[in-house]
Amino acid sequence: MFDVCAVISSCAQTMHAIRILRSHGMDDPQLQLVYRAVVIAKITYASSSWWGFTNAADRQRLEGFCDVVNGKISTPLAIPH
């Protein structure tokens, strides 16, 4: 079974780490690389296999997380400030 809460929690922790990296002076292109390599990879890993096993609430959690992240950034590949 796919644990949506665990994935979202892990991605939120990664976003916190990315904000810390930014505060220590890492450039945006490097932060975007980390974001794509870690957060996007966690969310999309084998998504075609597990998506059918999620219920509506799970999908809302995933989409809500993506909306929050995308709402804080100007493009889907950028990192929130």
PDB file of N, CA and C in Angstrom:
ATOM      1  N   MET A   1       0.840  -1.182   0.000  1.00  0.00           N
ATOM      2  CA  MET A   1       0.000   0.000   0.000  1.00  0.00           C
ATOM      3  C   MET A   1       0.885   1.245   0.000  1.00  0.00           C
ATOM      4  N   PHE A   2       0.473   2.228  -0.703  1.00  0.00           N
ATOM      5  CA  PHE A   2       1.210   3.479  -0.823  1.00  0.00           C
ATOM      6  C   PHE A   2       0.809   4.405   0.318  1.00  0.00           C
ATOM      7  N   ASP A   3       1.775   4.929   1.049  1.00  0.00           N
ATOM      8  CA  ASP A   3       1.508   5.811   2.184  1.00  0.00           C
ATOM      9  C   ASP A   3       1.712   7.267   1.765  1.00  0.00           C
ATOM     10  N   VAL A   4       0.618   7.894   1.383  1.00  0.00           N
ATOM     11  CA  VAL A   4       0.659   9.275   0.892  1.00  0.00           C
ATOM     12  C   VAL A   4       1.175  10.224   1.968  1.00  0.00           C
ATOM     13  N   CYS A   5       0.731  10.027   3.201  1.00  0.00           N
ATOM     14  CA  CYS A   5       1.161  10.926   4.286  1.00  0.00           C
ATOM     15  C   CYS A   5       2.678  10.887   4.472  1.00  0.00           C
ATOM     16  N   ALA A   6       3.263   9.710   4.353  1.00  0.00           N
ATOM     17  CA  ALA A   6       4.713   9.576   4.511  1.00  0.00           C
ATOM     18  C   ALA A   6       5.448  10.298   3.386  1.00  0.00           C
ATOM     19  N   VAL A   7       4.942  10.202   2.176  1.00  0.00           N
ATOM     20  CA  VAL A   7       5.582  10.869   1.039  1.00  0.00           C
ATOM     21  C   VAL A   7       5.482  12.381   1.191  1.00  0.00           C
ATOM     22  N   ILE A   8       4.301  12.873   1.560  1.00  0.00           N
ATOM     23  CA  ILE A   8       4.123  14.313   1.729  1.00  0.00           C
ATOM     24  C   ILE A   8       4.999  14.824   2.864  1.00  0.00           C
ATOM     25  N   SER A   9       5.061  14.085   3.949  1.00  0.00           N
ATOM     26  CA  SER A   9       5.906  14.476   5.077  1.00  0.00           C
ATOM     27  C   SER A   9       7.378  14.540   4.665  1.00  0.00           C
ATOM     28  N   SER A  10       7.815  13.545   3.942  1.00  0.00           N
ATOM     29  CA  SER A  10       9.193  13.510   3.468  1.00  0.00           C
ATOM     30  C   SER A  10       9.484  14.684   2.530  1.00  0.00           C
ATOM     31  N   CYS A  11       8.541  14.984   1.646  1.00  0.00           N
ATOM     32  CA  CYS A  11       8.724  16.110   0.721  1.00  0.00           C
ATOM     33  C   CYS A  11       8.731  17.437   1.478  1.00  0.00           C
ATOM     34  N   ALA A  12       7.892  17.568   2.494  1.00  0.00           N
ATOM     35  CA  ALA A  12       7.874  18.793   3.294  1.00  0.00           C
ATOM     36  C   ALA A  12       9.210  18.976   4.019  1.00  0.00           C
ATOM     37  N   GLN A  13       9.768  17.891   4.519  1.00  0.00           N
ATOM     38  CA  GLN A  13      11.076  17.966   5.168  1.00  0.00           C
ATOM     39  C   GLN A  13      12.149  18.389   4.171  1.00  0.00           C
ATOM     40  N   THR A  14      12.056  17.872   2.970  1.00  0.00           N
ATOM     41  CA  THR A  14      13.012  18.241   1.929  1.00  0.00           C
ATOM     42  C   THR A  14      12.873  19.720   1.576  1.00  0.00           C
ATOM     43  N   MET A  15      11.632  20.218   1.498  1.00  0.00           N
ATOM     44  CA  MET A  15      11.426  21.631   1.201  1.00  0.00           C
ATOM     45  C   MET A  15      12.028  22.494   2.308  1.00  0.00           C
ATOM     46  N   HIS A  16      11.923  22.055   3.547  1.00  0.00           N
ATOM     47  CA  HIS A  16      12.549  22.787   4.652  1.00  0.00           C
ATOM     48  C   HIS A  16      14.072  22.811   4.470  1.00  0.00           C
ATOM     49  N   ALA A  17      14.632  21.668   4.122  1.00  0.00           N
ATOM     50  CA  ALA A  17      16.080  21.596   3.888  1.00  0.00           C
ATOM     51  C   ALA A  17      16.497  22.512   2.735  1.00  0.00           C
ATOM     52  N   ILE A  18      15.676  22.586   1.707  1.00  0.00           N
ATOM     53  CA  ILE A  18      15.975  23.460   0.572  1.00  0.00           C
ATOM     54  C   ILE A  18      15.967  24.923   1.010  1.00  0.00           C
ATOM     55  N   ARG A  19      15.011  25.298   1.862  1.00  0.00           N
ATOM     56  CA  ARG A  19      14.986  26.672   2.381  1.00  0.00           C
ATOM     57  C   ARG A  19      16.244  26.971   3.200  1.00  0.00           C
ATOM     58  N   ILE A  20      16.706  25.997   3.960  1.00  0.00           N
ATOM     59  CA  ILE A  20      17.937  26.178   4.735  1.00  0.00           C
ATOM     60  C   ILE A  20      19.134  26.345   3.796  1.00  0.00           C
ATOM     61  N   LEU A  21      19.174  25.531   2.747  1.00  0.00           N
ATOM     62  CA  LEU A  21      20.263  25.668   1.771  1.00  0.00           C
ATOM     63  C   LEU A  21      20.254  27.061   1.150  1.00  0.00           C
ATOM     64  N   ARG A  22      19.053  27.559   0.853  1.00  0.00           N
ATOM     65  CA  ARG A  22      18.946  28.912   0.284  1.00  0.00           C
ATOM     66  C   ARG A  22      19.478  29.939   1.274  1.00  0.00           C
ATOM     67  N   SER A  23      19.127  29.787   2.554  1.00  0.00           N
ATOM     68  CA  SER A  23      19.574  30.766   3.551  1.00  0.00           C
ATOM     69  C   SER A  23      21.089  30.729   3.740  1.00  0.00           C
ATOM     70  N   HIS A  24      21.712  29.619   3.354  1.00  0.00           N
ATOM     71  CA  HIS A  24      23.173  29.502   3.439  1.00  0.00           C
ATOM     72  C   HIS A  24      23.862  29.909   2.140  1.00  0.00           C
ATOM     73  N   GLY A  25      23.077  30.419   1.187  1.00  0.00           N
ATOM     74  CA  GLY A  25      23.672  31.003  -0.007  1.00  0.00           C
ATOM     75  C   GLY A  25      23.677  30.155  -1.269  1.00  0.00           C
ATOM     76  N   MET A  26      23.009  29.015  -1.271  1.00  0.00           N
ATOM     77  CA  MET A  26      22.981  28.218  -2.500  1.00  0.00           C
ATOM     78  C   MET A  26      22.157  28.954  -3.560  1.00  0.00           C
ATOM     79  N   ASP A  27      22.631  28.940  -4.788  1.00  0.00           N
ATOM     80  CA  ASP A  27      21.973  29.626  -5.895  1.00  0.00           C
ATOM     81  C   ASP A  27      20.693  28.901  -6.319  1.00  0.00           C
ATOM     82  N   ASP A  28      19.751  29.683  -6.896  1.00  0.00           N
ATOM     83  CA  ASP A  28      18.472  29.127  -7.326  1.00  0.00           C
ATOM     84  C   ASP A  28      18.589  27.965  -8.314  1.00  0.00           C
ATOM     85  N   PRO A  29      19.458  28.038  -9.328  1.00  0.00           N
ATOM     86  CA  PRO A  29      19.551  26.902 -10.251  1.00  0.00           C
ATOM     87  C   PRO A  29      19.936  25.596  -9.534  1.00  0.00           C
ATOM     88  N   GLN A  30      20.801  25.698  -8.552  1.00  0.00           N
ATOM     89  CA  GLN A  30      21.192  24.509  -7.797  1.00  0.00           C
ATOM     90  C   GLN A  30      20.041  24.029  -6.920  1.00  0.00           C
ATOM     91  N   LEU A  31      19.297  24.964  -6.331  1.00  0.00           N
ATOM     92  CA  LEU A  31      18.144  24.605  -5.512  1.00  0.00           C
ATOM     93  C   LEU A  31      17.061  23.935  -6.363  1.00  0.00           C
ATOM     94  N   GLN A  32      16.884  24.445  -7.567  1.00  0.00           N
ATOM     95  CA  GLN A  32      15.900  23.846  -8.469  1.00  0.00           C
ATOM     96  C   GLN A  32      16.296  22.417  -8.826  1.00  0.00           C
ATOM     97  N   LEU A  33      17.574  22.205  -8.992  1.00  0.00           N
ATOM     98  CA  LEU A  33      18.068  20.862  -9.283  1.00  0.00           C
ATOM     99  C   LEU A  33      17.769  19.909  -8.131  1.00  0.00           C
ATOM    100  N   VAL A  34      18.021  20.365  -6.913  1.00  0.00           N
ATOM    101  CA  VAL A  34      17.721  19.548  -5.730  1.00  0.00           C
ATOM    102  C   VAL A  34      16.226  19.273  -5.655  1.00  0.00           C
ATOM    103  N   TYR A  35      15.416  20.304  -5.881  1.00  0.00           N
ATOM    104  CA  TYR A  35      13.956  20.164  -5.853  1.00  0.00           C
ATOM    105  C   TYR A  35      13.476  19.107  -6.842  1.00  0.00           C
ATOM    106  N   ARG A  36      13.948  19.215  -8.073  1.00  0.00           N
ATOM    107  CA  ARG A  36      13.523  18.245  -9.099  1.00  0.00           C
ATOM    108  C   ARG A  36      14.036  16.844  -8.789  1.00  0.00           C
ATOM    109  N   ALA A  37      15.271  16.760  -8.315  1.00  0.00           N
ATOM    110  CA  ALA A  37      15.878  15.452  -8.068  1.00  0.00           C
ATOM    111  C   ALA A  37      15.257  14.745  -6.868  1.00  0.00           C
ATOM    112  N   VAL A  38      14.799  15.492  -5.877  1.00  0.00           N
ATOM    113  CA  VAL A  38      14.310  14.859  -4.661  1.00  0.00           C
ATOM    114  C   VAL A  38      12.789  14.915  -4.558  1.00  0.00           C
ATOM    115  N   VAL A  39      12.218  16.103  -4.537  1.00  0.00           N
ATOM    116  CA  VAL A  39      10.773  16.241  -4.301  1.00  0.00           C
ATOM    117  C   VAL A  39       9.967  15.659  -5.457  1.00  0.00           C
ATOM    118  N   ILE A  40      10.256  16.110  -6.657  1.00  0.00           N
ATOM    119  CA  ILE A  40       9.503  15.609  -7.810  1.00  0.00           C
ATOM    120  C   ILE A  40       9.709  14.105  -7.982  1.00  0.00           C
ATOM    121  N   ALA A  41      10.920  13.638  -7.751  1.00  0.00           N
ATOM    122  CA  ALA A  41      11.194  12.203  -7.868  1.00  0.00           C
ATOM    123  C   ALA A  41      10.398  11.402  -6.843  1.00  0.00           C
ATOM    124  N   LYS A  42      10.288  11.906  -5.620  1.00  0.00           N
ATOM    125  CA  LYS A  42       9.523  11.189  -4.587  1.00  0.00           C
ATOM    126  C   LYS A  42       8.054  11.110  -4.949  1.00  0.00           C
ATOM    127  N   ILE A  43       7.519  12.201  -5.461  1.00  0.00           N
ATOM    128  CA  ILE A  43       6.090  12.227  -5.780  1.00  0.00           C
ATOM    129  C   ILE A  43       5.773  11.375  -7.009  1.00  0.00           C
ATOM    130  N   THR A  44       6.640  11.393  -7.983  1.00  0.00           N
ATOM    131  CA  THR A  44       6.324  10.700  -9.237  1.00  0.00           C
ATOM    132  C   THR A  44       6.854   9.273  -9.326  1.00  0.00           C
ATOM    133  N   TYR A  45       7.675   8.862  -8.362  1.00  0.00           N
ATOM    134  CA  TYR A  45       8.261   7.516  -8.421  1.00  0.00           C
ATOM    135  C   TYR A  45       7.158   6.464  -8.505  1.00  0.00           C
ATOM    136  N   ALA A  46       7.123   5.720  -9.567  1.00  0.00           N
ATOM    137  CA  ALA A  46       6.166   4.635  -9.813  1.00  0.00           C
ATOM    138  C   ALA A  46       4.720   5.101  -9.679  1.00  0.00           C
ATOM    139  N   SER A  47       4.466   6.382  -9.953  1.00  0.00           N
ATOM    140  CA  SER A  47       3.112   6.920  -9.779  1.00  0.00           C
ATOM    141  C   SER A  47       2.073   6.217 -10.646  1.00  0.00           C
ATOM    142  N   SER A  48       2.475   5.750 -11.797  1.00  0.00           N
ATOM    143  CA  SER A  48       1.513   5.046 -12.639  1.00  0.00           C
ATOM    144  C   SER A  48       1.057   3.741 -11.995  1.00  0.00           C
ATOM    145  N   SER A  49       1.867   3.190 -11.126  1.00  0.00           N
ATOM    146  CA  SER A  49       1.503   1.954 -10.433  1.00  0.00           C
ATOM    147  C   SER A  49       0.631   2.208  -9.214  1.00  0.00           C
ATOM    148  N   TRP A  50       0.988   3.195  -8.387  1.00  0.00           N
ATOM    149  CA  TRP A  50       0.269   3.387  -7.132  1.00  0.00           C
ATOM    150  C   TRP A  50      -0.917   4.327  -7.208  1.00  0.00           C
ATOM    151  N   TRP A  51      -1.010   5.162  -8.234  1.00  0.00           N
ATOM    152  CA  TRP A  51      -2.096   6.150  -8.310  1.00  0.00           C
ATOM    153  C   TRP A  51      -3.465   5.486  -8.231  1.00  0.00           C
ATOM    154  N   GLY A  52      -3.633   4.355  -8.849  1.00  0.00           N
ATOM    155  CA  GLY A  52      -4.919   3.658  -8.825  1.00  0.00           C
ATOM    156  C   GLY A  52      -5.303   3.130  -7.456  1.00  0.00           C
ATOM    157  N   PHE A  53      -4.338   2.998  -6.554  1.00  0.00           N
ATOM    158  CA  PHE A  53      -4.609   2.507  -5.205  1.00  0.00           C
ATOM    159  C   PHE A  53      -4.898   3.637  -4.215  1.00  0.00           C
ATOM    160  N   THR A  54      -4.810   4.867  -4.664  1.00  0.00           N
ATOM    161  CA  THR A  54      -5.107   5.985  -3.775  1.00  0.00           C
ATOM    162  C   THR A  54      -6.598   6.295  -3.810  1.00  0.00           C
ATOM    163  N   ASN A  55      -7.094   6.814  -2.712  1.00  0.00           N
ATOM    164  CA  ASN A  55      -8.495   7.240  -2.696  1.00  0.00           C
ATOM    165  C   ASN A  55      -8.549   8.751  -2.934  1.00  0.00           C
ATOM    166  N   ALA A  56      -9.746   9.296  -2.932  1.00  0.00           N
ATOM    167  CA  ALA A  56      -9.913  10.724  -3.226  1.00  0.00           C
ATOM    168  C   ALA A  56      -9.183  11.595  -2.210  1.00  0.00           C
ATOM    169  N   ALA A  57      -9.209  11.205  -0.948  1.00  0.00           N
ATOM    170  CA  ALA A  57      -8.530  12.000   0.091  1.00  0.00           C
ATOM    171  C   ALA A  57      -7.022  12.008  -0.132  1.00  0.00           C
ATOM    172  N   ASP A  58      -6.454  10.853  -0.501  1.00  0.00           N
ATOM    173  CA  ASP A  58      -5.013  10.776  -0.790  1.00  0.00           C
ATOM    174  C   ASP A  58      -4.649  11.683  -1.950  1.00  0.00           C
ATOM    175  N   ARG A  59      -5.458  11.646  -2.991  1.00  0.00           N
ATOM    176  CA  ARG A  59      -5.185  12.479  -4.165  1.00  0.00           C
ATOM    177  C   ARG A  59      -5.264  13.961  -3.816  1.00  0.00           C
ATOM    178  N   GLN A  60      -6.237  14.321  -2.968  1.00  0.00           N
ATOM    179  CA  GLN A  60      -6.362  15.713  -2.547  1.00  0.00           C
ATOM    180  C   GLN A  60      -5.138  16.145  -1.744  1.00  0.00           C
ATOM    181  N   ARG A  61      -4.628  15.260  -0.896  1.00  0.00           N
ATOM    182  CA  ARG A  61      -3.423  15.593  -0.127  1.00  0.00           C
ATOM    183  C   ARG A  61      -2.243  15.844  -1.054  1.00  0.00           C
ATOM    184  N   LEU A  62      -2.046  14.958  -2.016  1.00  0.00           N
ATOM    185  CA  LEU A  62      -0.938  15.121  -2.960  1.00  0.00           C
ATOM    186  C   LEU A  62      -1.093  16.397  -3.781  1.00  0.00           C
ATOM    187  N   GLU A  63      -2.283  16.600  -4.313  1.00  0.00           N
ATOM    188  CA  GLU A  63      -2.520  17.794  -5.130  1.00  0.00           C
ATOM    189  C   GLU A  63      -2.430  19.056  -4.285  1.00  0.00           C
ATOM    190  N   GLY A  64      -2.880  18.980  -3.035  1.00  0.00           N
ATOM    191  CA  GLY A  64      -2.786  20.122  -2.135  1.00  0.00           C
ATOM    192  C   GLY A  64      -1.346  20.492  -1.850  1.00  0.00           C
ATOM    193  N   PHE A  65      -0.505  19.482  -1.619  1.00  0.00           N
ATOM    194  CA  PHE A  65       0.919  19.747  -1.393  1.00  0.00           C
ATOM    195  C   PHE A  65       1.529  20.417  -2.615  1.00  0.00           C
ATOM    196  N   CYS A  66       1.233  19.883  -3.780  1.00  0.00           N
ATOM    197  CA  CYS A  66       1.772  20.466  -5.022  1.00  0.00           C
ATOM    198  C   CYS A  66       1.253  21.881  -5.220  1.00  0.00           C
ATOM    199  N   ASP A  67      -0.025  22.134  -4.900  1.00  0.00           N
ATOM    200  CA  ASP A  67      -0.581  23.481  -5.031  1.00  0.00           C
ATOM    201  C   ASP A  67       0.113  24.454  -4.092  1.00  0.00           C
ATOM    202  N   VAL A  68       0.383  24.020  -2.862  1.00  0.00           N
ATOM    203  CA  VAL A  68       1.058  24.886  -1.896  1.00  0.00           C
ATOM    204  C   VAL A  68       2.452  25.228  -2.392  1.00  0.00           C
ATOM    205  N   VAL A  69       3.187  24.221  -2.841  1.00  0.00           N
ATOM    206  CA  VAL A  69       4.543  24.459  -3.343  1.00  0.00           C
ATOM    207  C   VAL A  69       4.491  25.347  -4.582  1.00  0.00           C
ATOM    208  N   ASN A  70       3.607  25.030  -5.510  1.00  0.00           N
ATOM    209  CA  ASN A  70       3.514  25.819  -6.743  1.00  0.00           C
ATOM    210  C   ASN A  70       2.961  27.207  -6.488  1.00  0.00           C
ATOM    211  N   GLY A  71       2.151  27.383  -5.435  1.00  0.00           N
ATOM    212  CA  GLY A  71       1.622  28.692  -5.089  1.00  0.00           C
ATOM    213  C   GLY A  71       2.694  29.620  -4.554  1.00  0.00           C
ATOM    214  N   LYS A  72       3.764  29.063  -4.029  1.00  0.00           N
ATOM    215  CA  LYS A  72       4.841  29.856  -3.465  1.00  0.00           C
ATOM    216  C   LYS A  72       5.916  30.181  -4.496  1.00  0.00           C
ATOM    217  N   ILE A  73       5.770  29.627  -5.678  1.00  0.00           N
ATOM    218  CA  ILE A  73       6.812  29.803  -6.681  1.00  0.00           C
ATOM    219  C   ILE A  73       6.202  30.323  -7.972  1.00  0.00           C
ATOM    220  N   SER A  74       7.038  30.927  -8.788  1.00  0.00           N
ATOM    221  CA  SER A  74       6.535  31.508 -10.029  1.00  0.00           C
ATOM    222  C   SER A  74       6.402  30.480 -11.145  1.00  0.00           C
ATOM    223  N   THR A  75       7.217  29.446 -11.110  1.00  0.00           N
ATOM    224  CA  THR A  75       7.126  28.375 -12.097  1.00  0.00           C
ATOM    225  C   THR A  75       7.208  27.053 -11.354  1.00  0.00           C
ATOM    226  N   PRO A  76       6.705  25.956 -11.919  1.00  0.00           N
ATOM    227  CA  PRO A  76       6.740  24.677 -11.231  1.00  0.00           C
ATOM    228  C   PRO A  76       8.143  24.176 -10.915  1.00  0.00           C
ATOM    229  N   LEU A  77       9.148  24.733 -11.542  1.00  0.00           N
ATOM    230  CA  LEU A  77      10.507  24.261 -11.317  1.00  0.00           C
ATOM    231  C   LEU A  77      11.298  25.141 -10.360  1.00  0.00           C
ATOM    232  N   ALA A  78      10.690  26.226  -9.920  1.00  0.00           N
ATOM    233  CA  ALA A  78      11.392  27.140  -9.012  1.00  0.00           C
ATOM    234  C   ALA A  78      11.200  26.677  -7.567  1.00  0.00           C
ATOM    235  N   ILE A  79      11.885  27.322  -6.655  1.00  0.00           N
ATOM    236  CA  ILE A  79      11.855  26.970  -5.248  1.00  0.00           C
ATOM    237  C   ILE A  79      11.240  28.112  -4.449  1.00  0.00           C
ATOM    238  N   PRO A  80      10.359  27.823  -3.491  1.00  0.00           N
ATOM    239  CA  PRO A  80       9.766  28.908  -2.693  1.00  0.00           C
ATOM    240  C   PRO A  80      10.796  29.635  -1.845  1.00  0.00           C
ATOM    241  N   HIS A  81      10.569  30.904  -1.599  1.00  0.00           N
ATOM    242  CA  HIS A  81      11.475  31.722  -0.768  1.00  0.00           C
ATOM    243  C   HIS A  81      11.157  31.530   0.683  1.00  0.00           C
TER     244      HIS A  81
END
